C-alpha atoms as a PDB file:
ATOM      1  CA  MET A   1       2.903 -33.763 -78.682  1.00  0.00           C
ATOM      2  CA  ARG A   2       6.154 -35.462 -79.072  1.00  0.00           C
ATOM      3  CA  ALA A   3       8.418 -35.634 -76.205  1.00  0.00           C
ATOM      4  CA  ILE A   4      11.806 -33.988 -76.381  1.00  0.00           C
ATOM      5  CA  LYS A   5      14.693 -36.798 -76.107  1.00  0.00           C
ATOM      6  CA  GLY A   6      18.228 -36.747 -76.586  1.00  0.00           C
ATOM      7  CA  PRO A   7      20.754 -33.918 -76.209  1.00  0.00           C
ATOM      8  CA  VAL A   8      18.161 -31.469 -76.531  1.00  0.00           C
ATOM      9  CA  ALA A   9      16.102 -32.675 -73.472  1.00  0.00           C
ATOM     10  CA  THR A  10      19.641 -32.429 -71.398  1.00  0.00           C
ATOM     11  CA  VAL A  11      20.106 -28.977 -72.281  1.00  0.00           C
ATOM     12  CA  ALA A  12      16.581 -27.963 -71.412  1.00  0.00           C
ATOM     13  CA  ALA A  13      16.691 -29.792 -67.959  1.00  0.00           C
ATOM     14  CA  ILE A  14      19.973 -27.949 -67.334  1.00  0.00           C
ATOM     15  CA  ALA A  15      18.373 -24.531 -68.220  1.00  0.00           C
ATOM     16  CA  ALA A  16      15.288 -25.156 -66.077  1.00  0.00           C
ATOM     17  CA  ILE A  17      17.491 -26.043 -63.026  1.00  0.00           C
ATOM     18  CA  ALA A  18      19.856 -23.070 -63.567  1.00  0.00           C
ATOM     19  CA  ILE A  19      16.708 -20.845 -63.604  1.00  0.00           C
ATOM     20  CA  LEU A  20      15.411 -22.159 -60.550  1.00  0.00           C
ATOM     21  CA  LEU A  21      18.663 -21.657 -58.523  1.00  0.00           C
ATOM     22  CA  PHE A  22      18.965 -18.271 -59.734  1.00  0.00           C
ATOM     23  CA  CYS A  23      15.424 -17.191 -58.674  1.00  0.00           C
ATOM     24  CA  SER A  24      16.072 -18.809 -55.247  1.00  0.00           C
ATOM     25  CA  LEU A  25      19.405 -17.082 -54.719  1.00  0.00           C
ATOM     26  CA  ASN A  26      18.171 -13.746 -55.759  1.00  0.00           C
ATOM     27  CA  TRP A  27      15.098 -14.034 -53.305  1.00  0.00           C
ATOM     28  CA  ARG A  28      17.289 -15.096 -50.439  1.00  0.00           C
ATOM     29  CA  HIS A  29      19.904 -12.613 -51.296  1.00  0.00           C
ATOM     30  CA  GLY A  30      20.566 -10.094 -48.243  1.00  0.00           C
ATOM     31  CA  THR A  31      18.405 -11.819 -45.944  1.00  0.00           C
ATOM     32  CA  SER A  32      19.448 -14.205 -43.166  1.00  0.00           C
ATOM     33  CA  ASP A  33      18.064 -17.567 -42.543  1.00  0.00           C
ATOM     34  CA  THR A  34      16.523 -16.278 -39.253  1.00  0.00           C
ATOM     35  CA  ASP A  35      14.950 -13.315 -40.921  1.00  0.00           C
ATOM     36  CA  TRP A  36      13.179 -14.955 -43.538  1.00  0.00           C
ATOM     37  CA  LYS A  37      11.651 -17.676 -41.296  1.00  0.00           C
ATOM     38  CA  ALA A  38      10.688 -14.957 -38.868  1.00  0.00           C
ATOM     39  CA  ASP A  39       8.873 -13.063 -41.674  1.00  0.00           C
ATOM     40  CA  PHE A  40       6.470 -16.074 -42.060  1.00  0.00           C
ATOM     41  CA  ALA A  41       6.594 -17.506 -38.556  1.00  0.00           C
ATOM     42  CA  VAL A  42       3.199 -17.757 -36.604  1.00  0.00           C
ATOM     43  CA  GLU A  43       3.069 -17.105 -32.934  1.00  0.00           C
ATOM     44  CA  SER A  44       1.386 -19.662 -31.043  1.00  0.00           C
ATOM     45  CA  GLN A  45      -1.482 -18.402 -28.892  1.00  0.00           C
ATOM     46  CA  GLU A  46       0.692 -18.810 -25.633  1.00  0.00           C
ATOM     47  CA  ASP A  47       3.306 -16.655 -27.067  1.00  0.00           C
ATOM     48  CA  ILE A  48       0.697 -13.806 -28.004  1.00  0.00           C
ATOM     49  CA  LYS A  49      -0.657 -13.930 -24.545  1.00  0.00           C
ATOM     50  CA  LYS A  50       2.582 -14.289 -22.840  1.00  0.00           C
ATOM     51  CA  PRO A  51       3.021 -10.975 -20.577  1.00  0.00           C
ATOM     52  CA  SER A  52       5.868  -8.640 -20.627  1.00  0.00           C
ATOM     53  CA  SER A  53       8.628  -9.353 -18.278  1.00  0.00           C
ATOM     54  CA  GLY A  54       9.544  -5.600 -17.974  1.00  0.00           C
ATOM     55  CA  GLY A  55      11.545  -5.499 -21.396  1.00  0.00           C
ATOM     56  CA  TYR A  56      11.154  -3.418 -24.340  1.00  0.00           C
ATOM     57  CA  PRO A  57       8.982  -2.799 -26.200  1.00  0.00           C
ATOM     58  CA  TYR A  58       5.800  -2.697 -23.926  1.00  0.00           C
ATOM     59  CA  ILE A  59       3.491  -5.730 -24.201  1.00  0.00           C
ATOM     60  CA  LYS A  60       0.395  -5.301 -22.306  1.00  0.00           C
ATOM     61  CA  PRO A  61      -0.465  -8.513 -20.391  1.00  0.00           C
ATOM     62  CA  ASP A  62      -3.239 -10.463 -21.965  1.00  0.00           C
ATOM     63  CA  PRO A  63      -5.208 -11.712 -20.339  1.00  0.00           C
ATOM     64  CA  LEU A  64      -5.112  -9.048 -17.793  1.00  0.00           C
ATOM     65  CA  PRO A  65      -4.316 -10.106 -14.207  1.00  0.00           C
ATOM     66  CA  TRP A  66      -7.738 -10.458 -12.416  1.00  0.00           C
ATOM     67  CA  LYS A  67      -7.943 -11.070  -8.658  1.00  0.00           C
ATOM     68  CA  ALA A  68     -10.064  -8.615  -6.945  1.00  0.00           C
ATOM     69  CA  PRO A  69      -9.033  -7.526  -3.360  1.00  0.00           C
ATOM     70  CA  THR A  70     -11.236  -8.514  -0.504  1.00  0.00           C
ATOM     71  CA  PRO A  71     -11.534  -6.784   2.904  1.00  0.00           C
ATOM     72  CA  LYS A  72      -9.626  -8.517   5.523  1.00  0.00           C
ATOM     73  CA  SER A  73     -11.235  -8.868   8.974  1.00  0.00           C
ATOM     74  CA  SER A  74     -10.936  -6.054  11.633  1.00  0.00           C
ATOM     75  CA  ASN A  75      -7.997  -7.957  13.361  1.00  0.00           C
ATOM     76  CA  SER A  76      -5.835  -8.480  10.559  1.00  0.00           C
ATOM     77  CA  SER A  77      -3.891  -5.950   8.198  1.00  0.00           C
ATOM     78  CA  THR A  78      -1.329  -5.675   5.227  1.00  0.00           C
ATOM     79  CA  VAL A  79       0.631  -3.328   7.464  1.00  0.00           C
ATOM     80  CA  ASP A  80       3.850  -4.721   8.857  1.00  0.00           C
ATOM     81  CA  THR A  81       2.834  -4.644  12.439  1.00  0.00           C
ATOM     82  CA  ALA A  82       0.370  -7.013  14.657  1.00  0.00           C
ATOM     83  CA  SER A  83      -1.887  -4.032  15.668  1.00  0.00           C
ATOM     84  CA  PRO A  84      -3.329  -1.021  13.919  1.00  0.00           C
ATOM     85  CA  ALA A  85      -0.765   1.603  13.481  1.00  0.00           C
ATOM     86  CA  ASP A  86      -1.483   5.199  14.004  1.00  0.00           C
ATOM     87  CA  ARG A  87       0.584   6.416  11.151  1.00  0.00           C
ATOM     88  CA  VAL A  88       1.279   4.317   7.928  1.00  0.00           C
ATOM     89  CA  ILE A  89       3.114   4.956   4.566  1.00  0.00           C
ATOM     90  CA  VAL A  90       1.802   2.960   1.597  1.00  0.00           C
ATOM     91  CA  LEU A  91       4.522   2.785  -0.733  1.00  0.00           C
ATOM     92  CA  ALA A  92       4.107   1.613  -4.253  1.00  0.00           C
ATOM     93  CA  THR A  93       7.256  -0.238  -5.332  1.00  0.00           C
ATOM     94  CA  LEU A  94       8.539  -2.176  -8.253  1.00  0.00           C
ATOM     95  CA  GLU A  95       9.276  -5.721  -7.458  1.00  0.00           C
ATOM     96  CA  HIS A  96      13.042  -6.128  -7.183  1.00  0.00           C
ATOM     97  CA  ASP A  97      13.718  -2.464  -5.815  1.00  0.00           C
ATOM     98  CA  ASP A  98      16.031  -2.311  -2.893  1.00  0.00           C
ATOM     99  CA  ASN A  99      14.040  -0.919  -0.021  1.00  0.00           C
ATOM    100  CA  SER A 100      16.183  -1.912   2.885  1.00  0.00           C
ATOM    101  CA  GLN A 101      16.794   1.647   3.745  1.00  0.00           C
ATOM    102  CA  VAL A 102      13.495   2.898   3.713  1.00  0.00           C
ATOM    103  CA  HIS A 103      12.318   2.045   7.185  1.00  0.00           C
ATOM    104  CA  ALA A 104      15.352   4.185   8.524  1.00  0.00           C
ATOM    105  CA  GLN A 105      14.042   7.332   6.300  1.00  0.00           C
ATOM    106  CA  PHE A 106      10.729   7.379   7.910  1.00  0.00           C
ATOM    107  CA  PRO A 107      10.961   7.031  11.841  1.00  0.00           C
ATOM    108  CA  GLY A 108       7.908   6.814  13.649  1.00  0.00           C
ATOM    109  CA  TRP A 109       6.037   5.313  10.653  1.00  0.00           C
ATOM    110  CA  GLN A 110       4.885   1.978   9.773  1.00  0.00           C
ATOM    111  CA  LEU A 111       5.349   0.761   6.176  1.00  0.00           C
ATOM    112  CA  SER A 112       3.162  -1.334   3.849  1.00  0.00           C
ATOM    113  CA  PHE A 113       4.955  -2.112   0.601  1.00  0.00           C
ATOM    114  CA  GLN A 114       2.709  -2.709  -2.351  1.00  0.00           C
ATOM    115  CA  ILE A 115       4.554  -4.483  -4.998  1.00  0.00           C
ATOM    116  CA  LEU A 116       4.167  -3.732  -8.564  1.00  0.00           C
ATOM    117  CA  GLY A 117       5.022  -6.395 -11.090  1.00  0.00           C
ATOM    118  CA  ARG A 118       6.729  -4.972 -14.379  1.00  0.00           C
ATOM    119  CA  ASP A 119       4.159  -6.516 -16.556  1.00  0.00           C
ATOM    120  CA  PHE A 120       2.911  -2.972 -17.165  1.00  0.00           C
ATOM    121  CA  ALA A 121       6.423  -1.544 -17.986  1.00  0.00           C
ATOM    122  CA  LYS A 122       6.112   1.846 -19.576  1.00  0.00           C
ATOM    123  CA  LEU A 123       6.993   1.909 -23.262  1.00  0.00           C
ATOM    124  CA  HIS A 124      10.950   2.749 -23.188  1.00  0.00           C
ATOM    125  CA  ALA A 125      13.894   0.884 -22.853  1.00  0.00           C
ATOM    126  CA  GLY A 126      14.935  -0.342 -19.509  1.00  0.00           C
ATOM    127  CA  ALA A 127      11.412  -0.628 -17.816  1.00  0.00           C
ATOM    128  CA  ASP A 128      12.268   1.282 -14.733  1.00  0.00           C
ATOM    129  CA  ARG A 129       8.661   2.325 -13.997  1.00  0.00           C
ATOM    130  CA  THR A 130       5.330   1.229 -14.525  1.00  0.00           C
ATOM    131  CA  ASP A 131       2.081   2.891 -15.861  1.00  0.00           C
ATOM    132  CA  LYS A 132       0.422   5.094 -13.398  1.00  0.00           C
ATOM    133  CA  GLY A 133      -2.500   2.706 -13.471  1.00  0.00           C
ATOM    134  CA  ARG A 134      -0.639   0.384 -11.414  1.00  0.00           C
ATOM    135  CA  ILE A 135       0.064   3.117  -8.717  1.00  0.00           C
ATOM    136  CA  ALA A 136      -3.826   3.628  -8.406  1.00  0.00           C
ATOM    137  CA  ASN A 137      -4.202  -0.232  -8.119  1.00  0.00           C
ATOM    138  CA  ALA A 138      -1.716  -0.276  -5.610  1.00  0.00           C
ATOM    139  CA  TYR A 139      -3.379   2.380  -3.221  1.00  0.00           C
ATOM    140  CA  LEU A 140      -6.955   0.987  -3.903  1.00  0.00           C
ATOM    141  CA  THR A 141      -6.090  -2.426  -3.018  1.00  0.00           C
ATOM    142  CA  PHE A 142      -4.644  -1.321   0.171  1.00  0.00           C
ATOM    143  CA  ILE A 143      -7.607   0.821   1.207  1.00  0.00           C
ATOM    144  CA  ILE A 144      -9.834  -2.210   0.182  1.00  0.00           C
ATOM    145  CA  GLU A 145      -8.118  -4.982   2.046  1.00  0.00           C
ATOM    146  CA  ASN A 146      -7.375  -2.961   5.035  1.00  0.00           C
ATOM    147  CA  TYR A 147     -10.677  -1.087   5.298  1.00  0.00           C
ATOM    148  CA  HIS A 148     -11.762  -2.471   8.435  1.00  0.00           C
ATOM    149  CA  ASN A 149      -8.122  -1.841  10.029  1.00  0.00           C
ATOM    150  CA  LEU A 150      -7.054   1.436   8.634  1.00  0.00           C
ATOM    151  CA  PRO A 151      -4.477   3.440  10.507  1.00  0.00           C
ATOM    152  CA  GLU A 152      -5.379   6.800  11.633  1.00  0.00           C
ATOM    153  CA  THR A 153      -3.170   8.628   9.225  1.00  0.00           C
ATOM    154  CA  MET A 154      -2.048   7.223   5.803  1.00  0.00           C
ATOM    155  CA  VAL A 155       0.552   8.713   3.456  1.00  0.00           C
ATOM    156  CA  PHE A 156       0.286   7.154  -0.128  1.00  0.00           C
ATOM    157  CA  LEU A 157       3.668   7.410  -2.092  1.00  0.00           C
ATOM    158  CA  ASN A 158       5.243   6.016  -5.230  1.00  0.00           C
ATOM    159  CA  SER A 159       8.747   4.874  -5.263  1.00  0.00           C
ATOM    160  CA  TYR A 160       9.887   6.897  -8.293  1.00  0.00           C
ATOM    161  CA  PRO A 161      12.683   9.467  -7.554  1.00  0.00           C
ATOM    162  CA  SER A 162      10.429  12.154  -5.975  1.00  0.00           C
ATOM    163  CA  ASN A 163      11.015  15.191  -6.986  1.00  0.00           C
ATOM    164  CA  THR A 164       8.129  16.209  -4.641  1.00  0.00           C
ATOM    165  CA  GLN A 165      10.161  19.206  -4.336  1.00  0.00           C
ATOM    166  CA  ASN A 166       7.497  21.875  -3.447  1.00  0.00           C
ATOM    167  CA  SER A 167       8.168  25.369  -2.710  1.00  0.00           C
ATOM    168  CA  ALA A 168       9.029  24.696   0.924  1.00  0.00           C
ATOM    169  CA  ASN A 169      12.168  22.936  -0.681  1.00  0.00           C
ATOM    170  CA  LEU A 170      11.160  19.532   0.848  1.00  0.00           C
ATOM    171  CA  ASN A 171      11.691  16.167  -0.771  1.00  0.00           C
ATOM    172  CA  LYS A 172       9.460  13.189  -0.514  1.00  0.00           C
ATOM    173  CA  VAL A 173      11.340  12.152   2.741  1.00  0.00           C
ATOM    174  CA  ASP A 174      11.569  15.554   4.292  1.00  0.00           C
ATOM    175  CA  ALA A 175       7.902  16.226   3.458  1.00  0.00           C
ATOM    176  CA  VAL A 176       6.651  13.052   5.288  1.00  0.00           C
ATOM    177  CA  ARG A 177       9.170  13.841   8.354  1.00  0.00           C
ATOM    178  CA  ASN A 178       7.647  17.259   8.699  1.00  0.00           C
ATOM    179  CA  LEU A 179       4.196  16.274   7.578  1.00  0.00           C
ATOM    180  CA  LYS A 180       1.674  17.724  10.448  1.00  0.00           C
ATOM    181  CA  THR A 181      -0.612  14.728  11.068  1.00  0.00           C
ATOM    182  CA  ASP A 182      -2.941  16.639  13.277  1.00  0.00           C
ATOM    183  CA  TYR A 183      -3.913  18.782  10.064  1.00  0.00           C
ATOM    184  CA  ILE A 184      -4.539  15.886   8.243  1.00  0.00           C
ATOM    185  CA  GLN A 185      -6.914  14.393  10.925  1.00  0.00           C
ATOM    186  CA  LYS A 186      -8.548  18.122  10.748  1.00  0.00           C
ATOM    187  CA  ALA A 187      -8.604  18.616   6.831  1.00  0.00           C
ATOM    188  CA  GLY A 188      -9.091  14.808   5.909  1.00  0.00           C
ATOM    189  CA  TYR A 189      -7.005  15.150   2.995  1.00  0.00           C
ATOM    190  CA  ALA A 190      -4.003  16.972   1.670  1.00  0.00           C
ATOM    191  CA  ASN A 191      -1.639  16.599  -1.408  1.00  0.00           C
ATOM    192  CA  LEU A 192       1.968  16.641  -0.276  1.00  0.00           C
ATOM    193  CA  ARG A 193       2.985  19.334  -2.834  1.00  0.00           C
ATOM    194  CA  CYS A 194       2.573  22.861  -2.070  1.00  0.00           C
ATOM    195  CA  MET A 195       2.263  25.071  -5.188  1.00  0.00           C
ATOM    196  CA  THR A 196       1.377  28.635  -6.291  1.00  0.00           C
ATOM    197  CA  LYS A 197      -1.867  29.172  -7.604  1.00  0.00           C
ATOM    198  CA  ALA A 198      -0.072  29.614 -11.072  1.00  0.00           C
ATOM    199  CA  GLY A 199       1.571  26.257 -10.593  1.00  0.00           C
ATOM    200  CA  CYS A 200      -1.767  24.664  -9.932  1.00  0.00           C
ATOM    201  CA  THR A 201      -3.654  25.934 -13.037  1.00  0.00           C
ATOM    202  CA  ASN A 202      -2.696  22.941 -15.242  1.00  0.00           C
ATOM    203  CA  HIS A 203      -6.487  22.061 -15.055  1.00  0.00           C
ATOM    204  CA  PHE A 204      -8.302  20.717 -17.663  1.00  0.00           C
ATOM    205  CA  LEU A 205     -12.144  21.263 -18.813  1.00  0.00           C
ATOM    206  CA  PRO A 206     -14.228  18.054 -18.772  1.00  0.00           C
ATOM    207  CA  THR A 207     -17.212  19.934 -20.383  1.00  0.00           C
ATOM    208  CA  ARG A 208     -15.198  21.774 -22.977  1.00  0.00           C
ATOM    209  CA  ASN A 209     -17.486  22.163 -26.091  1.00  0.00           C
ATOM    210  CA  PRO A 210     -16.666  21.499 -28.657  1.00  0.00           C
ATOM    211  CA  PRO A 211     -14.284  18.777 -27.096  1.00  0.00           C
ATOM    212  CA  ASP A 212     -10.610  19.121 -28.062  1.00  0.00           C
ATOM    213  CA  GLU A 213      -9.532  15.731 -29.374  1.00  0.00           C
ATOM    214  CA  PHE A 214      -5.987  16.572 -28.596  1.00  0.00           C
ATOM    215  CA  ARG A 215      -6.697  16.804 -25.090  1.00  0.00           C
ATOM    216  CA  THR A 216      -7.108  13.428 -24.307  1.00  0.00           C
ATOM    217  CA  LEU A 217      -7.357  13.466 -20.823  1.00  0.00           C
ATOM    218  CA  GLU A 218     -10.549  15.611 -20.877  1.00  0.00           C
ATOM    219  CA  VAL A 219     -12.253  13.436 -23.326  1.00  0.00           C
ATOM    220  CA  ALA A 220     -11.303  10.518 -20.880  1.00  0.00           C
ATOM    221  CA  MET A 221     -12.886  12.150 -17.804  1.00  0.00           C
ATOM    222  CA  ALA A 222     -15.902  13.158 -19.681  1.00  0.00           C
ATOM    223  CA  ASN A 223     -16.650   9.433 -20.584  1.00  0.00           C
ATOM    224  CA  VAL A 224     -15.822   8.001 -17.429  1.00  0.00           C
ATOM    225  CA  TRP A 225     -17.113  10.380 -14.631  1.00  0.00           C
ATOM    226  CA  ASN A 226     -20.615   8.655 -14.550  1.00  0.00           C
ATOM    227  CA  GLU A 227     -18.829   5.256 -14.243  1.00  0.00           C
ATOM    228  CA  LEU A 228     -17.015   6.236 -11.321  1.00  0.00           C
ATOM    229  CA  PHE A 229     -19.172   8.496  -9.183  1.00  0.00           C
ATOM    230  CA  ARG A 230     -22.585   7.451 -10.605  1.00  0.00           C
ATOM    231  CA  ASN A 231     -23.874  11.070 -11.110  1.00  0.00           C
ATOM    232  CA  ASP A 232     -23.708  13.606 -13.990  1.00  0.00           C
ATOM    233  CA  ASN A 233     -22.356  16.293 -11.907  1.00  0.00           C
ATOM    234  CA  LEU A 234     -19.228  16.790 -14.172  1.00  0.00           C
ATOM    235  CA  PRO A 235     -17.311  19.606 -12.882  1.00  0.00           C
ATOM    236  CA  GLU A 236     -16.459  22.294 -15.554  1.00  0.00           C
ATOM    237  CA  LYS A 237     -12.970  22.541 -14.444  1.00  0.00           C
ATOM    238  CA  LEU A 238     -10.545  19.910 -12.329  1.00  0.00           C
ATOM    239  CA  ALA A 239      -7.208  21.005 -10.871  1.00  0.00           C
ATOM    240  CA  THR A 240      -4.915  19.801  -8.316  1.00  0.00           C
ATOM    241  CA  PRO A 241      -0.955  19.414  -7.766  1.00  0.00           C
ATOM    242  CA  CYS A 242       0.388  16.566  -9.639  1.00  0.00           C
ATOM    243  CA  CYS A 243       1.791  12.936  -9.121  1.00  0.00           C
ATOM    244  CA  ALA A 244      -0.647  11.035  -6.672  1.00  0.00           C
ATOM    245  CA  GLU A 245       1.115  11.509  -3.543  1.00  0.00           C
ATOM    246  CA  PHE A 246      -0.965  12.361  -0.581  1.00  0.00           C
ATOM    247  CA  ALA A 247      -2.120  12.054   2.977  1.00  0.00           C
ATOM    248  CA  VAL A 248      -5.373  11.116   4.167  1.00  0.00           C
ATOM    249  CA  SER A 249      -7.019  10.387   7.472  1.00  0.00           C
ATOM    250  CA  ARG A 250      -9.147   7.082   8.174  1.00  0.00           C
ATOM    251  CA  GLU A 251     -12.241   8.878   8.973  1.00  0.00           C
ATOM    252  CA  GLN A 252     -12.142  10.579   5.518  1.00  0.00           C
ATOM    253  CA  VAL A 253     -11.480   7.253   3.697  1.00  0.00           C
ATOM    254  CA  GLN A 254     -14.326   5.673   5.441  1.00  0.00           C
ATOM    255  CA  LYS A 255     -16.926   8.371   4.456  1.00  0.00           C
ATOM    256  CA  LYS A 256     -17.357   5.829   1.553  1.00  0.00           C
ATOM    257  CA  GLY A 257     -18.131   2.375   1.705  1.00  0.00           C
ATOM    258  CA  VAL A 258     -15.842  -0.382   0.906  1.00  0.00           C
ATOM    259  CA  ALA A 259     -18.140  -0.878  -2.134  1.00  0.00           C
ATOM    260  CA  GLU A 260     -17.257   2.244  -3.809  1.00  0.00           C
ATOM    261  CA  TYR A 261     -13.568   1.671  -3.564  1.00  0.00           C
ATOM    262  CA  LEU A 262     -14.222  -1.835  -5.391  1.00  0.00           C
ATOM    263  CA  ARG A 263     -16.150  -0.087  -7.972  1.00  0.00           C
ATOM    264  CA  TYR A 264     -13.278   2.244  -8.398  1.00  0.00           C
ATOM    265  CA  TRP A 265     -11.014  -0.790  -8.713  1.00  0.00           C
ATOM    266  CA  GLU A 266     -12.978  -2.943 -11.235  1.00  0.00           C
ATOM    267  CA  TRP A 267     -13.288   0.306 -13.445  1.00  0.00           C
ATOM    268  CA  LEU A 268      -9.339   0.642 -13.464  1.00  0.00           C
ATOM    269  CA  ASN A 269      -8.795  -3.075 -14.326  1.00  0.00           C
ATOM    270  CA  LYS A 270     -11.539  -3.445 -16.753  1.00  0.00           C
ATOM    271  CA  THR A 271     -11.494  -0.255 -18.785  1.00  0.00           C
ATOM    272  CA  LYS A 272     -10.186  -0.499 -22.310  1.00  0.00           C
ATOM    273  CA  MET A 273      -8.581   2.720 -21.830  1.00  0.00           C
ATOM    274  CA  ASP A 274      -4.680   2.385 -21.596  1.00  0.00           C
ATOM    275  CA  ASP A 275      -3.387   2.059 -18.220  1.00  0.00           C
ATOM    276  CA  ASP A 276      -1.450   4.987 -18.150  1.00  0.00           C
ATOM    277  CA  THR A 277      -4.245   7.147 -19.053  1.00  0.00           C
ATOM    278  CA  ALA A 278      -6.660   5.403 -16.608  1.00  0.00           C
ATOM    279  CA  GLY A 279      -4.068   6.075 -13.904  1.00  0.00           C
ATOM    280  CA  LEU A 280      -3.792   9.798 -14.952  1.00  0.00           C
ATOM    281  CA  VAL A 281      -7.830   9.793 -14.548  1.00  0.00           C
ATOM    282  CA  PHE A 282      -7.203   8.754 -10.727  1.00  0.00           C
ATOM    283  CA  GLU A 283      -4.258  11.207 -10.276  1.00  0.00           C
ATOM    284  CA  TYR A 284      -6.703  14.026 -10.895  1.00  0.00           C
ATOM    285  CA  ILE A 285      -9.781  12.690  -8.892  1.00  0.00           C
ATOM    286  CA  TRP A 286      -8.048  11.508  -5.645  1.00  0.00           C
ATOM    287  CA  HIS A 287      -8.925  14.912  -3.876  1.00  0.00           C
ATOM    288  CA  ILE A 288     -12.519  14.595  -5.094  1.00  0.00           C
ATOM    289  CA  ILE A 289     -12.682  10.927  -3.670  1.00  0.00           C
ATOM    290  CA  PHE A 290     -11.500  12.151  -0.361  1.00  0.00           C
ATOM    291  CA  GLY A 291     -13.968  15.264  -0.153  1.00  0.00           C
ATOM    292  CA  ARG A 292     -12.310  18.011  -1.696  1.00  0.00           C
ATOM    293  CA  GLU A 293     -13.675  20.460  -4.281  1.00  0.00           C
ATOM    294  CA  ALA A 294     -12.765  19.664  -8.133  1.00  0.00           C
ATOM    295  CA  GLU A 295     -10.347  22.799  -7.868  1.00  0.00           C
ATOM    296  CA  TYR A 296      -8.007  21.824  -5.361  1.00  0.00           C
ATOM    297  CA  CYS A 297      -5.198  24.491  -4.997  1.00  0.00           C
ATOM    298  CA  LEU A 298      -4.204  25.690  -1.693  1.00  0.00           C
ATOM    299  CA  GLU A 299      -2.592  29.040  -1.361  1.00  0.00           C
ATOM    300  CA  LEU A 300       0.926  28.530  -0.959  1.00  0.00           C
ATOM    301  CA  GLU A 301       1.719  30.184   2.329  1.00  0.00           C
ATOM    302  CA  LYS A 302      -1.353  28.257   3.929  1.00  0.00           C
ATOM    303  CA  CYS A 303      -0.159  24.926   2.535  1.00  0.00           C
ATOM    304  CA  GLU A 304       3.373  25.311   3.898  1.00  0.00           C
ATOM    305  CA  CYS A 305       2.089  26.261   7.198  1.00  0.00           C
ATOM    306  CA  ASP A 306      -0.762  23.940   7.727  1.00  0.00           C
ATOM    307  CA  LEU A 307       1.198  20.850   6.141  1.00  0.00           C
ATOM    308  CA  TYR A 308       4.859  21.411   7.239  1.00  0.00           C
ATOM    309  CA  GLY A 309       4.784  23.977  10.032  1.00  0.00           C
ATOM    310  CA  ARG A 310       6.624  26.583   7.883  1.00  0.00           C
ATOM    311  CA  CYS A 311       4.558  29.562   8.794  1.00  0.00           C
END
C-alpha cells in the first residue's frame, strides 16, 4: 500500500491526535486525579493486614492477635495490691478511658483494669465501644492469669455507661456498693440485674426445629455448645438477664480447672464467628459456666433482697 504523504498526511495526523485528546478528556471528565488512581490502586499486603485503630469503618484485625494468657504463680496477681484481696472488681475498659475516679467510686474494693484495644471497634463512627467478644476475652484472661490467686469475691463489669438500672433503681456503682458479698459466697454466682420474670423471658431456643435462620444466636449456640462444654446436653431454653455484669466467688470459679477456661478463651479467639456474636454467646452462658441452670431468672423480690438487702 502506498504511504500517505503531503498535506493529506498532515491532516490525518492532526485528526488522530484530536480524537485521542477527546477520548482522554471524556474519560477523565468529572473524576479527580485522586479518584481515578484509587480505582486501580492495589493495596500492599501490609495495608490489607493493618489492624483498625478504632476508626470508621470497622476493619477486623488480620492476623488476629494471638497471645494466650497463662496462669501466674500463687504469689502473683494482676490486681493492684501486693496480696490477695477479698473483693476485686474486674473492669473491662477501653484504652485511653479516664479511670481516675473509679477507685473513689468503689471504696473497699480492689480494682483490676483489663484494657481493651480499639482494634475490634464496633461498626459505627466514633468507635466508642468494642465488640462483646473483647469483654468476654478480658474476663477470661483475668480468670486464667489469676486462677491460683483469685480473690474471694469478684465482680465483673464493663465500662459502658451502665444502665445496670434494675428494678431496685440501682445504677452500676450503687449496685456494687450495696452488693451482699455473703450472699455471693453462699450462692456462688449472681447476675447484677434484678428483673421480673417477664423481663427475663428474652430467652432463645437452641433446639428449635426447624431452625429459624433469622435467630442467628440460636443457630450459633447449637453449633458451638459441644465445642465449649464437650457434651451434647444442649438445653431447650436459655434465659438470663443481659449485659454480662455479674458477681462470682472464688470457690465457684475454681470448680472448673484452668484448662477449661483456656478452652473457652481459645474458642473465642479462634472461631470464625464474628466477634460480637461470639461475645453474645458468652453473655448467655456465663451463668451456666458458673453452675446455674440454663434458665436463670430469679424472682424479682428475692433478687433485690438477697443481692442488695432491699427486702
